[in-house]
């Protein structure tokens, strides 16, 4: 059985971070370098199909989403809602 767990969090430098449990081992935390509003809280994370989506408050105070298409470009991208 293949189990994967991903945890998204706000780093001390107010960016999104990711911690992943893949194939039985925790990978070190990764700074996604996506800036969030200081002192904000992460809103949600979801995985529709092969896409990872993380909702957060951007530095302008607006709701944004970061997404990673596991079958696509291989880079995190963002957009405002």
PDB file of N, CA and C in Angstrom:
ATOM      1  N   UNK A   1       0.830  -1.170   0.000  1.00  0.00           N
ATOM      2  CA  UNK A   1       0.000   0.000   0.000  1.00  0.00           C
ATOM      3  C   UNK A   1       0.886   1.248   0.000  1.00  0.00           C
ATOM      4  N   UNK A   2       0.522   2.228  -0.811  1.00  0.00           N
ATOM      5  CA  UNK A   2       1.289   3.468  -0.943  1.00  0.00           C
ATOM      6  C   UNK A   2       0.567   4.571  -0.204  1.00  0.00           C
ATOM      7  N   UNK A   3       1.193   5.129   0.834  1.00  0.00           N
ATOM      8  CA  UNK A   3       0.591   6.188   1.632  1.00  0.00           C
ATOM      9  C   UNK A   3       1.402   7.464   1.471  1.00  0.00           C
ATOM     10  N   UNK A   4       0.681   8.567   1.307  1.00  0.00           N
ATOM     11  CA  UNK A   4       1.343   9.862   1.186  1.00  0.00           C
ATOM     12  C   UNK A   4       0.566  10.874   2.024  1.00  0.00           C
ATOM     13  N   UNK A   5       1.283  11.605   2.859  1.00  0.00           N
ATOM     14  CA  UNK A   5       0.686  12.650   3.684  1.00  0.00           C
ATOM     15  C   UNK A   5       1.458  13.935   3.423  1.00  0.00           C
ATOM     16  N   UNK A   6       0.738  15.019   3.230  1.00  0.00           N
ATOM     17  CA  UNK A   6       1.381  16.321   3.046  1.00  0.00           C
ATOM     18  C   UNK A   6       0.801  17.302   4.053  1.00  0.00           C
ATOM     19  N   UNK A   7       1.670  18.036   4.709  1.00  0.00           N
ATOM     20  CA  UNK A   7       1.266  19.030   5.701  1.00  0.00           C
ATOM     21  C   UNK A   7       1.758  20.388   5.213  1.00  0.00           C
ATOM     22  N   UNK A   8       0.862  21.360   5.156  1.00  0.00           N
ATOM     23  CA  UNK A   8       1.216  22.710   4.731  1.00  0.00           C
ATOM     24  C   UNK A   8       1.137  23.631   5.936  1.00  0.00           C
ATOM     25  N   UNK A   9       2.064  24.551   6.033  1.00  0.00           N
ATOM     26  CA  UNK A   9       2.161  25.425   7.197  1.00  0.00           C
ATOM     27  C   UNK A   9       2.767  26.760   6.790  1.00  0.00           C
ATOM     28  N   UNK A  10       2.679  27.718   7.694  1.00  0.00           N
ATOM     29  CA  UNK A  10       3.290  29.024   7.461  1.00  0.00           C
ATOM     30  C   UNK A  10       4.619  29.051   8.201  1.00  0.00           C
ATOM     31  N   UNK A  11       5.689  29.359   7.481  1.00  0.00           N
ATOM     32  CA  UNK A  11       7.032  29.381   8.052  1.00  0.00           C
ATOM     33  C   UNK A  11       7.225  30.628   8.911  1.00  0.00           C
ATOM     34  N   UNK A  12       8.262  30.665   9.736  1.00  0.00           N
ATOM     35  CA  UNK A  12       8.554  31.876  10.523  1.00  0.00           C
ATOM     36  C   UNK A  12       8.810  33.111   9.656  1.00  0.00           C
ATOM     37  N   UNK A  13       9.187  32.911   8.384  1.00  0.00           N
ATOM     38  CA  UNK A  13       9.421  34.054   7.488  1.00  0.00           C
ATOM     39  C   UNK A  13       8.184  34.403   6.655  1.00  0.00           C
ATOM     40  N   UNK A  14       6.996  33.927   7.082  1.00  0.00           N
ATOM     41  CA  UNK A  14       5.709  34.231   6.432  1.00  0.00           C
ATOM     42  C   UNK A  14       5.647  33.776   4.979  1.00  0.00           C
ATOM     43  N   UNK A  15       6.047  32.533   4.753  1.00  0.00           N
ATOM     44  CA  UNK A  15       5.886  31.887   3.456  1.00  0.00           C
ATOM     45  C   UNK A  15       5.212  30.536   3.692  1.00  0.00           C
ATOM     46  N   UNK A  16       4.723  29.909   2.619  1.00  0.00           N
ATOM     47  CA  UNK A  16       4.135  28.581   2.741  1.00  0.00           C
ATOM     48  C   UNK A  16       5.239  27.534   2.820  1.00  0.00           C
ATOM     49  N   UNK A  17       5.053  26.552   3.685  1.00  0.00           N
ATOM     50  CA  UNK A  17       5.983  25.443   3.807  1.00  0.00           C
ATOM     51  C   UNK A  17       5.247  24.129   3.598  1.00  0.00           C
ATOM     52  N   UNK A  18       5.987  23.087   3.247  1.00  0.00           N
ATOM     53  CA  UNK A  18       5.396  21.767   3.017  1.00  0.00           C
ATOM     54  C   UNK A  18       6.265  20.698   3.670  1.00  0.00           C
ATOM     55  N   UNK A  19       5.615  19.782   4.352  1.00  0.00           N
ATOM     56  CA  UNK A  19       6.259  18.618   4.939  1.00  0.00           C
ATOM     57  C   UNK A  19       5.557  17.416   4.335  1.00  0.00           C
ATOM     58  N   UNK A  20       6.301  16.420   3.842  1.00  0.00           N
ATOM     59  CA  UNK A  20       5.683  15.293   3.148  1.00  0.00           C
ATOM     60  C   UNK A  20       6.155  13.957   3.709  1.00  0.00           C
ATOM     61  N   UNK A  21       5.215  13.037   3.862  1.00  0.00           N
ATOM     62  CA  UNK A  21       5.483  11.649   4.239  1.00  0.00           C
ATOM     63  C   UNK A  21       5.217  10.823   2.993  1.00  0.00           C
ATOM     64  N   UNK A  22       6.282  10.287   2.391  1.00  0.00           N
ATOM     65  CA  UNK A  22       6.167   9.564   1.128  1.00  0.00           C
ATOM     66  C   UNK A  22       6.934   8.256   1.235  1.00  0.00           C
ATOM     67  N   UNK A  23       6.300   7.182   0.847  1.00  0.00           N
ATOM     68  CA  UNK A  23       6.926   5.855   0.846  1.00  0.00           C
ATOM     69  C   UNK A  23       7.538   5.493   2.200  1.00  0.00           C
ATOM     70  N   UNK A  24       6.827   5.802   3.284  1.00  0.00           N
ATOM     71  CA  UNK A  24       7.256   5.374   4.603  1.00  0.00           C
ATOM     72  C   UNK A  24       8.265   6.255   5.311  1.00  0.00           C
ATOM     73  N   UNK A  25       8.562   7.442   4.771  1.00  0.00           N
ATOM     74  CA  UNK A  25       9.550   8.321   5.411  1.00  0.00           C
ATOM     75  C   UNK A  25       9.127   9.777   5.268  1.00  0.00           C
ATOM     76  N   UNK A  26       9.446  10.560   6.296  1.00  0.00           N
ATOM     77  CA  UNK A  26       9.184  11.996   6.240  1.00  0.00           C
ATOM     78  C   UNK A  26      10.301  12.686   5.479  1.00  0.00           C
ATOM     79  N   UNK A  27       9.926  13.494   4.497  1.00  0.00           N
ATOM     80  CA  UNK A  27      10.892  14.331   3.781  1.00  0.00           C
ATOM     81  C   UNK A  27      11.034  15.626   4.580  1.00  0.00           C
ATOM     82  N   UNK A  28      12.193  16.222   4.550  1.00  0.00           N
ATOM     83  CA  UNK A  28      12.413  17.469   5.285  1.00  0.00           C
ATOM     84  C   UNK A  28      11.468  18.552   4.828  1.00  0.00           C
ATOM     85  N   UNK A  29      11.192  19.502   5.704  1.00  0.00           N
ATOM     86  CA  UNK A  29      10.324  20.620   5.355  1.00  0.00           C
ATOM     87  C   UNK A  29      10.896  21.437   4.211  1.00  0.00           C
ATOM     88  N   UNK A  30      10.014  21.880   3.327  1.00  0.00           N
ATOM     89  CA  UNK A  30      10.424  22.661   2.165  1.00  0.00           C
ATOM     90  C   UNK A  30       9.719  24.007   2.208  1.00  0.00           C
ATOM     91  N   UNK A  31      10.460  25.070   2.033  1.00  0.00           N
ATOM     92  CA  UNK A  31       9.881  26.406   1.919  1.00  0.00           C
ATOM     93  C   UNK A  31       9.461  26.597   0.468  1.00  0.00           C
ATOM     94  N   UNK A  32       8.161  26.779   0.224  1.00  0.00           N
ATOM     95  CA  UNK A  32       7.672  26.964  -1.141  1.00  0.00           C
ATOM     96  C   UNK A  32       7.920  28.373  -1.654  1.00  0.00           C
ATOM     97  N   UNK A  33       8.390  29.267  -0.776  1.00  0.00           N
ATOM     98  CA  UNK A  33       8.743  30.653  -1.122  1.00  0.00           C
ATOM     99  C   UNK A  33       7.558  31.435  -1.689  1.00  0.00           C
ATOM    100  N   UNK A  34       6.352  31.083  -1.231  1.00  0.00           N
ATOM    101  CA  UNK A  34       5.149  31.811  -1.599  1.00  0.00           C
ATOM    102  C   UNK A  34       4.778  32.656  -0.388  1.00  0.00           C
ATOM    103  N   UNK A  35       4.834  33.973  -0.535  1.00  0.00           N
ATOM    104  CA  UNK A  35       4.638  34.881   0.602  1.00  0.00           C
ATOM    105  C   UNK A  35       3.174  34.928   1.034  1.00  0.00           C
ATOM    106  N   UNK A  36       2.971  34.912   2.354  1.00  0.00           N
ATOM    107  CA  UNK A  36       1.639  35.034   2.938  1.00  0.00           C
ATOM    108  C   UNK A  36       1.589  36.273   3.825  1.00  0.00           C
ATOM    109  N   UNK A  37       0.389  36.705   4.159  1.00  0.00           N
ATOM    110  CA  UNK A  37       0.217  37.853   5.041  1.00  0.00           C
ATOM    111  C   UNK A  37       0.807  37.521   6.409  1.00  0.00           C
ATOM    112  N   UNK A  38       1.711  38.349   6.929  1.00  0.00           N
ATOM    113  CA  UNK A  38       2.273  38.087   8.259  1.00  0.00           C
ATOM    114  C   UNK A  38       1.166  37.922   9.305  1.00  0.00           C
ATOM    115  N   UNK A  39       1.371  36.999  10.229  1.00  0.00           N
ATOM    116  CA  UNK A  39       0.429  36.691  11.314  1.00  0.00           C
ATOM    117  C   UNK A  39      -0.892  36.097  10.828  1.00  0.00           C
ATOM    118  N   UNK A  40      -0.940  35.602   9.593  1.00  0.00           N
ATOM    119  CA  UNK A  40      -2.168  34.964   9.107  1.00  0.00           C
ATOM    120  C   UNK A  40      -2.114  33.466   9.389  1.00  0.00           C
ATOM    121  N   UNK A  41      -3.220  32.792   9.143  1.00  0.00           N
ATOM    122  CA  UNK A  41      -3.299  31.345   9.345  1.00  0.00           C
ATOM    123  C   UNK A  41      -3.641  30.680   8.017  1.00  0.00           C
ATOM    124  N   UNK A  42      -3.105  29.496   7.812  1.00  0.00           N
ATOM    125  CA  UNK A  42      -3.404  28.741   6.600  1.00  0.00           C
ATOM    126  C   UNK A  42      -4.877  28.381   6.589  1.00  0.00           C
ATOM    127  N   UNK A  43      -5.520  28.480   5.438  1.00  0.00           N
ATOM    128  CA  UNK A  43      -6.954  28.250   5.375  1.00  0.00           C
ATOM    129  C   UNK A  43      -7.321  26.810   5.028  1.00  0.00           C
ATOM    130  N   UNK A  44      -6.729  26.256   3.976  1.00  0.00           N
ATOM    131  CA  UNK A  44      -7.111  24.900   3.564  1.00  0.00           C
ATOM    132  C   UNK A  44      -6.111  24.315   2.581  1.00  0.00           C
ATOM    133  N   UNK A  45      -6.198  22.996   2.411  1.00  0.00           N
ATOM    134  CA  UNK A  45      -5.424  22.279   1.401  1.00  0.00           C
ATOM    135  C   UNK A  45      -6.326  21.186   0.844  1.00  0.00           C
ATOM    136  N   UNK A  46      -6.245  20.940  -0.455  1.00  0.00           N
ATOM    137  CA  UNK A  46      -7.042  19.883  -1.079  1.00  0.00           C
ATOM    138  C   UNK A  46      -6.273  19.280  -2.244  1.00  0.00           C
ATOM    139  N   UNK A  47      -6.775  18.140  -2.725  1.00  0.00           N
ATOM    140  CA  UNK A  47      -6.124  17.446  -3.833  1.00  0.00           C
ATOM    141  C   UNK A  47      -7.181  16.906  -4.799  1.00  0.00           C
ATOM    142  N   UNK A  48      -7.694  17.766  -5.683  1.00  0.00           N
ATOM    143  CA  UNK A  48      -8.598  17.251  -6.714  1.00  0.00           C
ATOM    144  C   UNK A  48      -7.785  16.635  -7.857  1.00  0.00           C
ATOM    145  N   UNK A  49      -7.938  15.359  -8.076  1.00  0.00           N
ATOM    146  CA  UNK A  49      -7.168  14.684  -9.128  1.00  0.00           C
ATOM    147  C   UNK A  49      -5.685  14.711  -8.835  1.00  0.00           C
ATOM    148  N   UNK A  50      -4.885  15.148  -9.789  1.00  0.00           N
ATOM    149  CA  UNK A  50      -3.424  15.224  -9.640  1.00  0.00           C
ATOM    150  C   UNK A  50      -2.936  16.604  -9.235  1.00  0.00           C
ATOM    151  N   UNK A  51      -3.839  17.473  -8.781  1.00  0.00           N
ATOM    152  CA  UNK A  51      -3.471  18.842  -8.446  1.00  0.00           C
ATOM    153  C   UNK A  51      -3.508  19.028  -6.924  1.00  0.00           C
ATOM    154  N   UNK A  52      -2.452  19.627  -6.382  1.00  0.00           N
ATOM    155  CA  UNK A  52      -2.414  20.007  -4.972  1.00  0.00           C
ATOM    156  C   UNK A  52      -2.769  21.484  -4.897  1.00  0.00           C
ATOM    157  N   UNK A  53      -3.711  21.857  -4.005  1.00  0.00           N
ATOM    158  CA  UNK A  53      -4.144  23.248  -3.869  1.00  0.00           C
ATOM    159  C   UNK A  53      -4.042  23.656  -2.404  1.00  0.00           C
ATOM    160  N   UNK A  54      -3.439  24.816  -2.161  1.00  0.00           N
ATOM    161  CA  UNK A  54      -3.333  25.362  -0.807  1.00  0.00           C
ATOM    162  C   UNK A  54      -3.890  26.779  -0.838  1.00  0.00           C
ATOM    163  N   UNK A  55      -4.926  27.021  -0.020  1.00  0.00           N
ATOM    164  CA  UNK A  55      -5.511  28.352   0.075  1.00  0.00           C
ATOM    165  C   UNK A  55      -4.859  29.127   1.213  1.00  0.00           C
ATOM    166  N   UNK A  56      -4.625  30.411   1.009  1.00  0.00           N
ATOM    167  CA  UNK A  56      -3.932  31.234   2.009  1.00  0.00           C
ATOM    168  C   UNK A  56      -4.298  32.697   1.787  1.00  0.00           C
ATOM    169  N   UNK A  57      -3.916  33.546   2.725  1.00  0.00           N
ATOM    170  CA  UNK A  57      -4.104  34.990   2.592  1.00  0.00           C
ATOM    171  C   UNK A  57      -2.796  35.591   2.079  1.00  0.00           C
ATOM    172  N   UNK A  58      -2.857  36.273   0.924  1.00  0.00           N
ATOM    173  CA  UNK A  58      -1.622  36.837   0.353  1.00  0.00           C
ATOM    174  C   UNK A  58      -1.224  38.109   1.082  1.00  0.00           C
ATOM    175  N   UNK A  59      -0.099  38.671   0.722  1.00  0.00           N
ATOM    176  CA  UNK A  59       0.444  39.837   1.434  1.00  0.00           C
ATOM    177  C   UNK A  59      -0.440  41.082   1.307  1.00  0.00           C
ATOM    178  N   UNK A  60      -1.324  41.110   0.313  1.00  0.00           N
ATOM    179  CA  UNK A  60      -2.261  42.234   0.165  1.00  0.00           C
ATOM    180  C   UNK A  60      -3.536  42.015   0.988  1.00  0.00           C
ATOM    181  N   UNK A  61      -3.638  40.842   1.653  1.00  0.00           N
ATOM    182  CA  UNK A  61      -4.807  40.543   2.467  1.00  0.00           C
ATOM    183  C   UNK A  61      -5.928  39.858   1.714  1.00  0.00           C
ATOM    184  N   UNK A  62      -5.669  39.430   0.489  1.00  0.00           N
ATOM    185  CA  UNK A  62      -6.677  38.760  -0.335  1.00  0.00           C
ATOM    186  C   UNK A  62      -6.522  37.246  -0.280  1.00  0.00           C
ATOM    187  N   UNK A  63      -7.617  36.527  -0.521  1.00  0.00           N
ATOM    188  CA  UNK A  63      -7.578  35.074  -0.575  1.00  0.00           C
ATOM    189  C   UNK A  63      -6.917  34.640  -1.874  1.00  0.00           C
ATOM    190  N   UNK A  64      -5.930  33.765  -1.776  1.00  0.00           N
ATOM    191  CA  UNK A  64      -5.222  33.246  -2.943  1.00  0.00           C
ATOM    192  C   UNK A  64      -5.097  31.741  -2.825  1.00  0.00           C
ATOM    193  N   UNK A  65      -4.758  31.102  -3.926  1.00  0.00           N
ATOM    194  CA  UNK A  65      -4.469  29.676  -3.925  1.00  0.00           C
ATOM    195  C   UNK A  65      -3.138  29.431  -4.625  1.00  0.00           C
ATOM    196  N   UNK A  66      -2.370  28.528  -4.046  1.00  0.00           N
ATOM    197  CA  UNK A  66      -1.163  28.024  -4.693  1.00  0.00           C
ATOM    198  C   UNK A  66      -1.518  26.632  -5.190  1.00  0.00           C
ATOM    199  N   UNK A  67      -1.081  26.288  -6.391  1.00  0.00           N
ATOM    200  CA  UNK A  67      -1.402  24.958  -6.903  1.00  0.00           C
ATOM    201  C   UNK A  67      -0.193  24.339  -7.590  1.00  0.00           C
ATOM    202  N   UNK A  68      -0.161  23.018  -7.522  1.00  0.00           N
ATOM    203  CA  UNK A  68       0.911  22.233  -8.128  1.00  0.00           C
ATOM    204  C   UNK A  68       0.253  21.101  -8.892  1.00  0.00           C
ATOM    205  N   UNK A  69       0.406  21.084 -10.203  1.00  0.00           N
ATOM    206  CA  UNK A  69      -0.145  20.024 -11.041  1.00  0.00           C
ATOM    207  C   UNK A  69       0.901  18.936 -11.166  1.00  0.00           C
ATOM    208  N   UNK A  70       0.654  17.791 -10.531  1.00  0.00           N
ATOM    209  CA  UNK A  70       1.636  16.711 -10.503  1.00  0.00           C
ATOM    210  C   UNK A  70       1.936  16.149 -11.888  1.00  0.00           C
ATOM    211  N   UNK A  71       1.087  16.416 -12.869  1.00  0.00           N
ATOM    212  CA  UNK A  71       1.343  15.965 -14.230  1.00  0.00           C
ATOM    213  C   UNK A  71       1.711  17.116 -15.145  1.00  0.00           C
ATOM    214  N   UNK A  72       1.995  18.284 -14.567  1.00  0.00           N
ATOM    215  CA  UNK A  72       2.217  19.487 -15.373  1.00  0.00           C
ATOM    216  C   UNK A  72       3.636  20.016 -15.323  1.00  0.00           C
ATOM    217  N   UNK A  73       3.741  21.308 -15.061  1.00  0.00           N
ATOM    218  CA  UNK A  73       4.996  22.035 -15.181  1.00  0.00           C
ATOM    219  C   UNK A  73       6.033  21.690 -14.101  1.00  0.00           C
ATOM    220  N   UNK A  74       5.584  21.152 -12.953  1.00  0.00           N
ATOM    221  CA  UNK A  74       6.535  20.827 -11.892  1.00  0.00           C
ATOM    222  C   UNK A  74       6.888  22.002 -11.000  1.00  0.00           C
ATOM    223  N   UNK A  75       6.156  23.113 -11.138  1.00  0.00           N
ATOM    224  CA  UNK A  75       6.391  24.282 -10.288  1.00  0.00           C
ATOM    225  C   UNK A  75       5.076  24.733  -9.651  1.00  0.00           C
ATOM    226  N   UNK A  76       5.186  25.261  -8.438  1.00  0.00           N
ATOM    227  CA  UNK A  76       4.034  25.831  -7.771  1.00  0.00           C
ATOM    228  C   UNK A  76       3.664  27.137  -8.470  1.00  0.00           C
ATOM    229  N   UNK A  77       2.374  27.355  -8.673  1.00  0.00           N
ATOM    230  CA  UNK A  77       1.871  28.586  -9.268  1.00  0.00           C
ATOM    231  C   UNK A  77       0.797  29.137  -8.337  1.00  0.00           C
ATOM    232  N   UNK A  78       0.473  30.417  -8.476  1.00  0.00           N
ATOM    233  CA  UNK A  78      -0.519  31.049  -7.601  1.00  0.00           C
ATOM    234  C   UNK A  78      -1.517  31.853  -8.421  1.00  0.00           C
ATOM    235  N   UNK A  79      -2.667  32.092  -7.823  1.00  0.00           N
ATOM    236  CA  UNK A  79      -3.660  32.994  -8.389  1.00  0.00           C
ATOM    237  C   UNK A  79      -4.521  33.521  -7.257  1.00  0.00           C
ATOM    238  N   UNK A  80      -5.135  34.685  -7.460  1.00  0.00           N
ATOM    239  CA  UNK A  80      -6.038  35.301  -6.491  1.00  0.00           C
ATOM    240  C   UNK A  80      -7.463  34.853  -6.772  1.00  0.00           C
ATOM    241  N   UNK A  81      -8.244  34.706  -5.715  1.00  0.00           N
ATOM    242  CA  UNK A  81      -9.666  34.349  -5.884  1.00  0.00           C
ATOM    243  C   UNK A  81     -10.510  35.601  -5.881  1.00  0.00           C
TER     244      UNK A  81
END
